Amino acid sequence: MAKKSEGHRTDVIEVAIRTERGSRKVQLVRADGRIPGIVYGMKKDAVSIALPGPLTEAVIHSGAHVMEIKLDGKNEKVLIKAVQYDYLNKEIEHVDLQRIDPNQKVRVKIPLEFRGTPKGAKEGGILETQITEIEIEVKALEIPDLIRLNVEHLELHQAIHAKEVAIPAGAKLINHPDAIVCQVRTVKEEVAAVVAEAGPAEPEVIGKKKEEEGAEGAAAAAPAAGGKAAAPAAAAPAKK
């Protein structure tokens, strides 16, 4: 089931054009509580902009893919193409916005929300998710914020493939149709898969240790062999 209510926001965000560039100028924009960004696409020149921080963050964190901005007195629908965060992954540092035609299809990745407990869990199975977001091609104004996937019917050893995920009508699936999205496996299978990924442990080479010990002994004896012969012990004085 695809949830569409938050695929795009109705908020109109008024943005300012940034004429000055450079890292220092960008830092001043952030210090002022705004977020630097860029708008491009639709065969128009790219424009550097500054967006109001709190409102922009609210739109992005809502899961929206499309937003409406007011640039130079004109409203434009834009796709949130990329969002860059700081090294702590907390503060938004930059956004890339792509101009779109509302009737044009765009390629986006939609997060999946897994709902319910699989039947196979009663038999000792666990749900393993291999894909957490699905890529589709869909009209910009029909982009869902997420797709809910019910897994309650899954028995032990059963799986859901990409082609079985319900996407919006008219949308095109980009993932391979037979790609496994999730499956119910036993704990033993899960452990075996982890071990297989890690690879076999490197066996200890017994002879290697002896060779190393021999090399160390030879190294210790080398100085004596390379130096002068040790002087013989002094003879005990003769008894008178």
C-alpha atoms as a PDB file:
ATOM      1  CA  MET A   1       0.000   0.000   0.000  1.00  0.00           C
ATOM      2  CA  ALA A   2       1.417   3.363  -1.016  1.00  0.00           C
ATOM      3  CA  LYS A   3       0.805   6.355   1.197  1.00  0.00           C
ATOM      4  CA  LYS A   4       0.480   9.506  -0.884  1.00  0.00           C
ATOM      5  CA  SER A   5      -0.627  12.174   1.555  1.00  0.00           C
ATOM      6  CA  GLU A   6       2.853  13.491   2.232  1.00  0.00           C
ATOM      7  CA  GLY A   7       4.482  12.905  -1.154  1.00  0.00           C
ATOM      8  CA  HIS A   8       4.526  16.665  -1.695  1.00  0.00           C
ATOM      9  CA  ARG A   9       3.889  19.630   0.576  1.00  0.00           C
ATOM     10  CA  THR A  10       1.571  22.549  -0.054  1.00  0.00           C
ATOM     11  CA  ASP A  11       3.816  24.970   1.840  1.00  0.00           C
ATOM     12  CA  VAL A  12       5.313  27.627  -0.410  1.00  0.00           C
ATOM     13  CA  ILE A  13       8.868  28.372   0.685  1.00  0.00           C
ATOM     14  CA  GLU A  14      10.206  31.758  -0.294  1.00  0.00           C
ATOM     15  CA  VAL A  15      13.890  31.556  -1.150  1.00  0.00           C
ATOM     16  CA  ALA A  16      16.508  34.225  -1.724  1.00  0.00           C
ATOM     17  CA  ILE A  17      19.039  34.296  -4.544  1.00  0.00           C
ATOM     18  CA  ARG A  18      22.660  34.044  -3.442  1.00  0.00           C
ATOM     19  CA  THR A  19      24.919  36.202  -5.573  1.00  0.00           C
ATOM     20  CA  GLU A  20      28.043  35.728  -3.471  1.00  0.00           C
ATOM     21  CA  ARG A  21      29.714  32.330  -3.336  1.00  0.00           C
ATOM     22  CA  GLY A  22      32.579  30.688  -1.522  1.00  0.00           C
ATOM     23  CA  SER A  23      32.867  28.643   1.666  1.00  0.00           C
ATOM     24  CA  ARG A  24      33.036  31.717   3.893  1.00  0.00           C
ATOM     25  CA  LYS A  25      29.855  33.192   2.418  1.00  0.00           C
ATOM     26  CA  VAL A  26      28.097  29.829   2.773  1.00  0.00           C
ATOM     27  CA  GLN A  27      29.062  29.714   6.450  1.00  0.00           C
ATOM     28  CA  LEU A  28      27.497  33.152   6.939  1.00  0.00           C
ATOM     29  CA  VAL A  29      24.268  31.885   5.368  1.00  0.00           C
ATOM     30  CA  ARG A  30      24.153  28.977   7.815  1.00  0.00           C
ATOM     31  CA  ALA A  31      25.007  31.261  10.747  1.00  0.00           C
ATOM     32  CA  ASP A  32      21.965  33.341   9.779  1.00  0.00           C
ATOM     33  CA  GLY A  33      19.708  30.297  10.221  1.00  0.00           C
ATOM     34  CA  ARG A  34      19.297  29.656   6.507  1.00  0.00           C
ATOM     35  CA  ILE A  35      20.247  26.691   4.345  1.00  0.00           C
ATOM     36  CA  PRO A  36      22.292  27.141   1.159  1.00  0.00           C
ATOM     37  CA  GLY A  37      21.049  25.342  -1.919  1.00  0.00           C
ATOM     38  CA  ILE A  38      20.832  25.291  -5.691  1.00  0.00           C
ATOM     39  CA  VAL A  39      17.953  25.097  -8.175  1.00  0.00           C
ATOM     40  CA  TYR A  40      18.493  23.656 -11.648  1.00  0.00           C
ATOM     41  CA  GLY A  41      16.758  21.833 -14.486  1.00  0.00           C
ATOM     42  CA  MET A  42      14.081  22.413 -17.162  1.00  0.00           C
ATOM     43  CA  LYS A  43      16.739  23.918 -19.454  1.00  0.00           C
ATOM     44  CA  LYS A  44      17.113  26.946 -17.202  1.00  0.00           C
ATOM     45  CA  ASP A  45      20.225  28.356 -15.573  1.00  0.00           C
ATOM     46  CA  ALA A  46      21.216  26.967 -12.205  1.00  0.00           C
ATOM     47  CA  VAL A  47      20.605  29.442  -9.384  1.00  0.00           C
ATOM     48  CA  SER A  48      22.282  29.492  -5.970  1.00  0.00           C
ATOM     49  CA  ILE A  49      19.719  30.123  -3.238  1.00  0.00           C
ATOM     50  CA  ALA A  50      19.244  30.413   0.513  1.00  0.00           C
ATOM     51  CA  LEU A  51      16.228  28.738   2.123  1.00  0.00           C
ATOM     52  CA  PRO A  52      14.645  29.456   5.527  1.00  0.00           C
ATOM     53  CA  GLY A  53      16.042  26.831   7.903  1.00  0.00           C
ATOM     54  CA  PRO A  54      13.120  25.730  10.128  1.00  0.00           C
ATOM     55  CA  LEU A  55      10.501  25.508   7.363  1.00  0.00           C
ATOM     56  CA  THR A  56      12.834  23.725   4.948  1.00  0.00           C
ATOM     57  CA  GLU A  57      13.842  21.204   7.610  1.00  0.00           C
ATOM     58  CA  ALA A  58      10.174  20.552   8.439  1.00  0.00           C
ATOM     59  CA  VAL A  59       9.383  19.801   4.789  1.00  0.00           C
ATOM     60  CA  ILE A  60      12.378  17.530   4.302  1.00  0.00           C
ATOM     61  CA  HIS A  61      11.899  15.638   7.563  1.00  0.00           C
ATOM     62  CA  SER A  62       8.229  15.058   6.712  1.00  0.00           C
ATOM     63  CA  GLY A  63       9.380  12.681   3.992  1.00  0.00           C
ATOM     64  CA  ALA A  64       8.217  14.893   1.131  1.00  0.00           C
ATOM     65  CA  HIS A  65       9.911  14.492  -2.226  1.00  0.00           C
ATOM     66  CA  VAL A  66       8.394  17.549  -3.927  1.00  0.00           C
ATOM     67  CA  MET A  67       8.145  21.083  -2.578  1.00  0.00           C
ATOM     68  CA  GLU A  68       7.041  24.429  -3.910  1.00  0.00           C
ATOM     69  CA  ILE A  69       9.337  27.432  -3.739  1.00  0.00           C
ATOM     70  CA  LYS A  70       8.908  31.093  -4.591  1.00  0.00           C
ATOM     71  CA  LEU A  71      11.956  32.269  -6.481  1.00  0.00           C
ATOM     72  CA  ASP A  72      12.277  35.796  -7.826  1.00  0.00           C
ATOM     73  CA  GLY A  73       8.524  36.315  -7.452  1.00  0.00           C
ATOM     74  CA  LYS A  74       7.532  33.099  -9.266  1.00  0.00           C
ATOM     75  CA  ASN A  75       6.309  29.813  -7.810  1.00  0.00           C
ATOM     76  CA  GLU A  76       8.036  26.626  -8.966  1.00  0.00           C
ATOM     77  CA  LYS A  77       7.571  22.934  -8.189  1.00  0.00           C
ATOM     78  CA  VAL A  78      10.892  21.303  -7.414  1.00  0.00           C
ATOM     79  CA  LEU A  79      12.072  17.800  -6.625  1.00  0.00           C
ATOM     80  CA  ILE A  80      14.260  17.428  -3.529  1.00  0.00           C
ATOM     81  CA  LYS A  81      17.097  15.755  -5.377  1.00  0.00           C
ATOM     82  CA  ALA A  82      19.802  15.653  -2.701  1.00  0.00           C
ATOM     83  CA  VAL A  83      20.231  16.683   0.926  1.00  0.00           C
ATOM     84  CA  GLN A  84      23.667  17.041   2.513  1.00  0.00           C
ATOM     85  CA  TYR A  85      24.110  16.816   6.282  1.00  0.00           C
ATOM     86  CA  ASP A  86      26.988  17.711   8.586  1.00  0.00           C
ATOM     87  CA  TYR A  87      29.428  15.084   9.842  1.00  0.00           C
ATOM     88  CA  LEU A  88      27.100  14.263  12.763  1.00  0.00           C
ATOM     89  CA  ASN A  89      24.224  13.717  10.307  1.00  0.00           C
ATOM     90  CA  LYS A  90      22.072  16.210  12.237  1.00  0.00           C
ATOM     91  CA  GLU A  91      22.136  19.609  10.566  1.00  0.00           C
ATOM     92  CA  ILE A  92      21.227  20.124   6.920  1.00  0.00           C
ATOM     93  CA  GLU A  93      24.115  21.867   5.165  1.00  0.00           C
ATOM     94  CA  HIS A  94      22.946  22.022   1.551  1.00  0.00           C
ATOM     95  CA  VAL A  95      20.021  21.008  -0.679  1.00  0.00           C
ATOM     96  CA  ASP A  96      19.816  20.353  -4.416  1.00  0.00           C
ATOM     97  CA  LEU A  97      16.442  21.157  -5.973  1.00  0.00           C
ATOM     98  CA  GLN A  98      15.463  20.104  -9.487  1.00  0.00           C
ATOM     99  CA  ARG A  99      12.779  21.956 -11.419  1.00  0.00           C
ATOM    100  CA  ILE A 100      10.070  19.604 -12.650  1.00  0.00           C
ATOM    101  CA  ASP A 101       7.037  19.449 -14.876  1.00  0.00           C
ATOM    102  CA  PRO A 102       4.141  18.226 -12.657  1.00  0.00           C
ATOM    103  CA  ASN A 103       3.095  15.848 -15.445  1.00  0.00           C
ATOM    104  CA  GLN A 104       6.589  14.544 -16.082  1.00  0.00           C
ATOM    105  CA  LYS A 105       7.752  11.266 -14.564  1.00  0.00           C
ATOM    106  CA  VAL A 106      10.785  11.280 -12.296  1.00  0.00           C
ATOM    107  CA  ARG A 107      12.853   8.473 -10.819  1.00  0.00           C
ATOM    108  CA  VAL A 108      12.829   8.319  -7.010  1.00  0.00           C
ATOM    109  CA  LYS A 109      13.531   5.880  -4.184  1.00  0.00           C
ATOM    110  CA  ILE A 110      10.629   5.315  -1.790  1.00  0.00           C
ATOM    111  CA  PRO A 111      11.234   3.944   1.739  1.00  0.00           C
ATOM    112  CA  LEU A 112       9.427   0.745   2.693  1.00  0.00           C
ATOM    113  CA  GLU A 113       7.584   0.333   5.982  1.00  0.00           C
ATOM    114  CA  PHE A 114       7.179  -3.292   7.061  1.00  0.00           C
ATOM    115  CA  ARG A 115       3.965  -3.949   8.965  1.00  0.00           C
ATOM    116  CA  GLY A 116       2.932  -6.924  11.105  1.00  0.00           C
ATOM    117  CA  THR A 117       4.561 -10.091  12.441  1.00  0.00           C
ATOM    118  CA  PRO A 118       5.131 -12.960   9.994  1.00  0.00           C
ATOM    119  CA  LYS A 119       3.333 -16.269  10.631  1.00  0.00           C
ATOM    120  CA  GLY A 120       6.697 -17.950  10.315  1.00  0.00           C
ATOM    121  CA  ALA A 121       7.841 -16.200  13.492  1.00  0.00           C
ATOM    122  CA  LYS A 122       5.740 -18.709  15.486  1.00  0.00           C
ATOM    123  CA  GLU A 123       7.921 -21.475  14.067  1.00  0.00           C
ATOM    124  CA  GLY A 124      11.136 -19.790  15.122  1.00  0.00           C
ATOM    125  CA  GLY A 125      11.634 -17.713  11.995  1.00  0.00           C
ATOM    126  CA  ILE A 126      12.861 -14.129  11.801  1.00  0.00           C
ATOM    127  CA  LEU A 127      12.142 -11.465   9.196  1.00  0.00           C
ATOM    128  CA  GLU A 128      15.200 -10.536   7.163  1.00  0.00           C
ATOM    129  CA  THR A 129      14.935  -7.346   5.091  1.00  0.00           C
ATOM    130  CA  GLN A 130      17.238  -7.009   2.100  1.00  0.00           C
ATOM    131  CA  ILE A 131      15.708  -3.919   0.483  1.00  0.00           C
ATOM    132  CA  THR A 132      14.542  -0.996   2.621  1.00  0.00           C
ATOM    133  CA  GLU A 133      13.566   1.339  -0.221  1.00  0.00           C
ATOM    134  CA  ILE A 134      12.228   0.701  -3.691  1.00  0.00           C
ATOM    135  CA  GLU A 135      13.010   2.707  -6.810  1.00  0.00           C
ATOM    136  CA  ILE A 136      10.168   3.719  -9.119  1.00  0.00           C
ATOM    137  CA  GLU A 137       9.459   6.078 -11.978  1.00  0.00           C
ATOM    138  CA  VAL A 138       6.314   8.095 -11.294  1.00  0.00           C
ATOM    139  CA  LYS A 139       4.703  11.469 -11.931  1.00  0.00           C
ATOM    140  CA  ALA A 140       6.134  14.122  -9.638  1.00  0.00           C
ATOM    141  CA  LEU A 141       2.835  14.940  -7.931  1.00  0.00           C
ATOM    142  CA  GLU A 142       2.045  11.256  -7.355  1.00  0.00           C
ATOM    143  CA  ILE A 143       5.196  10.387  -5.420  1.00  0.00           C
ATOM    144  CA  PRO A 144       4.289   8.587  -2.169  1.00  0.00           C
ATOM    145  CA  ASP A 145       6.244   9.420   0.966  1.00  0.00           C
ATOM    146  CA  LEU A 146       6.469   5.695   1.790  1.00  0.00           C
ATOM    147  CA  ILE A 147       5.076   2.311   0.801  1.00  0.00           C
ATOM    148  CA  ARG A 148       3.644   0.069   3.516  1.00  0.00           C
ATOM    149  CA  LEU A 149       4.325  -3.634   3.103  1.00  0.00           C
ATOM    150  CA  ASN A 150       2.268  -6.182   5.079  1.00  0.00           C
ATOM    151  CA  VAL A 151       4.353  -9.222   6.038  1.00  0.00           C
ATOM    152  CA  GLU A 152       1.861 -11.007   8.322  1.00  0.00           C
ATOM    153  CA  HIS A 153       1.097 -13.707   5.734  1.00  0.00           C
ATOM    154  CA  LEU A 154       4.704 -14.835   5.333  1.00  0.00           C
ATOM    155  CA  GLU A 155       5.360 -18.429   6.359  1.00  0.00           C
ATOM    156  CA  LEU A 156       8.769 -19.876   7.143  1.00  0.00           C
ATOM    157  CA  HIS A 157      11.065 -19.739   4.065  1.00  0.00           C
ATOM    158  CA  GLN A 158       8.663 -17.468   2.161  1.00  0.00           C
ATOM    159  CA  ALA A 159       9.751 -14.160   0.609  1.00  0.00           C
ATOM    160  CA  ILE A 160       8.354 -11.012  -0.973  1.00  0.00           C
ATOM    161  CA  HIS A 161       9.899  -9.911  -4.264  1.00  0.00           C
ATOM    162  CA  ALA A 162      10.084  -6.412  -5.723  1.00  0.00           C
ATOM    163  CA  LYS A 163       7.413  -7.204  -8.326  1.00  0.00           C
ATOM    164  CA  GLU A 164       4.957  -7.991  -5.492  1.00  0.00           C
ATOM    165  CA  VAL A 165       5.235  -4.541  -3.902  1.00  0.00           C
ATOM    166  CA  ALA A 166       2.179  -2.386  -4.582  1.00  0.00           C
ATOM    167  CA  ILE A 167       3.318   0.824  -6.275  1.00  0.00           C
ATOM    168  CA  PRO A 168       1.138   3.754  -7.442  1.00  0.00           C
ATOM    169  CA  ALA A 169      -0.956   3.196 -10.558  1.00  0.00           C
ATOM    170  CA  GLY A 170       0.971   4.223 -13.662  1.00  0.00           C
ATOM    171  CA  ALA A 171       4.339   3.993 -11.895  1.00  0.00           C
ATOM    172  CA  LYS A 172       7.186   1.867 -13.252  1.00  0.00           C
ATOM    173  CA  LEU A 173       9.331  -0.415 -11.094  1.00  0.00           C
ATOM    174  CA  ILE A 174      13.070   0.197 -11.543  1.00  0.00           C
ATOM    175  CA  ASN A 175      14.380  -2.569  -9.260  1.00  0.00           C
ATOM    176  CA  HIS A 176      14.806  -6.044 -10.723  1.00  0.00           C
ATOM    177  CA  PRO A 177      11.368  -7.697 -10.471  1.00  0.00           C
ATOM    178  CA  ASP A 178      12.763 -10.832  -8.809  1.00  0.00           C
ATOM    179  CA  ALA A 179      14.888  -9.003  -6.254  1.00  0.00           C
ATOM    180  CA  ILE A 180      14.086 -10.241  -2.734  1.00  0.00           C
ATOM    181  CA  VAL A 181      12.711  -7.477  -0.540  1.00  0.00           C
ATOM    182  CA  CYS A 182      12.295  -9.543   2.623  1.00  0.00           C
ATOM    183  CA  GLN A 183      12.060 -13.185   3.681  1.00  0.00           C
ATOM    184  CA  VAL A 184      11.444 -15.307   6.761  1.00  0.00           C
ATOM    185  CA  ARG A 185      14.420 -17.460   7.726  1.00  0.00           C
ATOM    186  CA  THR A 186      15.417 -19.590  10.679  1.00  0.00           C
ATOM    187  CA  VAL A 187      18.040 -18.396  13.124  1.00  0.00           C
ATOM    188  CA  LYS A 188      20.430 -21.135  11.914  1.00  0.00           C
ATOM    189  CA  GLU A 189      20.080 -19.951   8.320  1.00  0.00           C
ATOM    190  CA  GLU A 190      20.720 -16.378   9.412  1.00  0.00           C
ATOM    191  CA  VAL A 191      23.863 -17.363  11.323  1.00  0.00           C
ATOM    192  CA  ALA A 192      25.075 -19.487   8.408  1.00  0.00           C
ATOM    193  CA  ALA A 193      24.591 -16.545   6.035  1.00  0.00           C
ATOM    194  CA  VAL A 194      26.585 -14.260   8.329  1.00  0.00           C
ATOM    195  CA  VAL A 195      29.410 -16.803   8.597  1.00  0.00           C
ATOM    196  CA  ALA A 196      29.433 -17.262   4.827  1.00  0.00           C
ATOM    197  CA  GLU A 197      29.732 -13.499   4.315  1.00  0.00           C
ATOM    198  CA  ALA A 198      32.571 -13.276   6.831  1.00  0.00           C
ATOM    199  CA  GLY A 199      34.473 -16.058   5.037  1.00  0.00           C
ATOM    200  CA  PRO A 200      36.486 -18.951   6.554  1.00  0.00           C
ATOM    201  CA  ALA A 201      38.918 -18.179   9.333  1.00  0.00           C
ATOM    202  CA  GLU A 202      42.578 -18.290   8.316  1.00  0.00           C
ATOM    203  CA  PRO A 203      44.101 -21.566   9.660  1.00  0.00           C
ATOM    204  CA  GLU A 204      47.216 -21.403  11.776  1.00  0.00           C
ATOM    205  CA  VAL A 205      50.317 -22.525   9.895  1.00  0.00           C
ATOM    206  CA  ILE A 206      52.126 -24.770  12.368  1.00  0.00           C
ATOM    207  CA  GLY A 207      55.361 -24.961  10.409  1.00  0.00           C
ATOM    208  CA  LYS A 208      55.480 -21.194  10.178  1.00  0.00           C
ATOM    209  CA  LYS A 209      55.952 -20.807  13.913  1.00  0.00           C
ATOM    210  CA  LYS A 210      58.836 -23.270  13.927  1.00  0.00           C
ATOM    211  CA  GLU A 211      60.450 -21.483  10.994  1.00  0.00           C
ATOM    212  CA  GLU A 212      60.122 -18.165  12.826  1.00  0.00           C
ATOM    213  CA  GLU A 213      61.599 -19.678  15.998  1.00  0.00           C
ATOM    214  CA  GLY A 214      64.469 -21.114  13.960  1.00  0.00           C
ATOM    215  CA  ALA A 215      65.080 -17.765  12.316  1.00  0.00           C
ATOM    216  CA  GLU A 216      65.148 -16.063  15.704  1.00  0.00           C
ATOM    217  CA  GLY A 217      67.715 -18.601  16.973  1.00  0.00           C
ATOM    218  CA  ALA A 218      69.876 -18.107  13.915  1.00  0.00           C
ATOM    219  CA  ALA A 219      69.665 -14.357  14.330  1.00  0.00           C
ATOM    220  CA  ALA A 220      70.752 -14.633  17.941  1.00  0.00           C
ATOM    221  CA  ALA A 221      73.717 -16.826  16.991  1.00  0.00           C
ATOM    222  CA  ALA A 222      74.779 -14.592  14.103  1.00  0.00           C
ATOM    223  CA  PRO A 223      76.648 -11.988  16.189  1.00  0.00           C
ATOM    224  CA  ALA A 224      78.803 -14.676  17.828  1.00  0.00           C
ATOM    225  CA  ALA A 225      79.602 -16.272  14.498  1.00  0.00           C
ATOM    226  CA  GLY A 226      80.412 -12.986  12.843  1.00  0.00           C
ATOM    227  CA  GLY A 227      82.564 -11.640  15.657  1.00  0.00           C
ATOM    228  CA  LYS A 228      85.967 -12.772  16.969  1.00  0.00           C
ATOM    229  CA  ALA A 229      86.298 -16.172  18.596  1.00  0.00           C
ATOM    230  CA  ALA A 230      85.822 -16.070  22.330  1.00  0.00           C
ATOM    231  CA  ALA A 231      89.080 -16.181  24.269  1.00  0.00           C
ATOM    232  CA  PRO A 232      89.703 -19.478  26.114  1.00  0.00           C
ATOM    233  CA  ALA A 233      89.195 -19.434  29.820  1.00  0.00           C
ATOM    234  CA  ALA A 234      92.360 -18.650  31.818  1.00  0.00           C
ATOM    235  CA  ALA A 235      94.100 -21.738  33.111  1.00  0.00           C
ATOM    236  CA  ALA A 236      93.943 -22.281  36.825  1.00  0.00           C
ATOM    237  CA  PRO A 237      97.206 -21.329  38.500  1.00  0.00           C
ATOM    238  CA  ALA A 238      99.531 -24.327  39.143  1.00  0.00           C
ATOM    239  CA  LYS A 239      99.823 -25.474  42.675  1.00  0.00           C
ATOM    240  CA  LYS A 240     103.218 -24.966  44.135  1.00  0.00           C
END
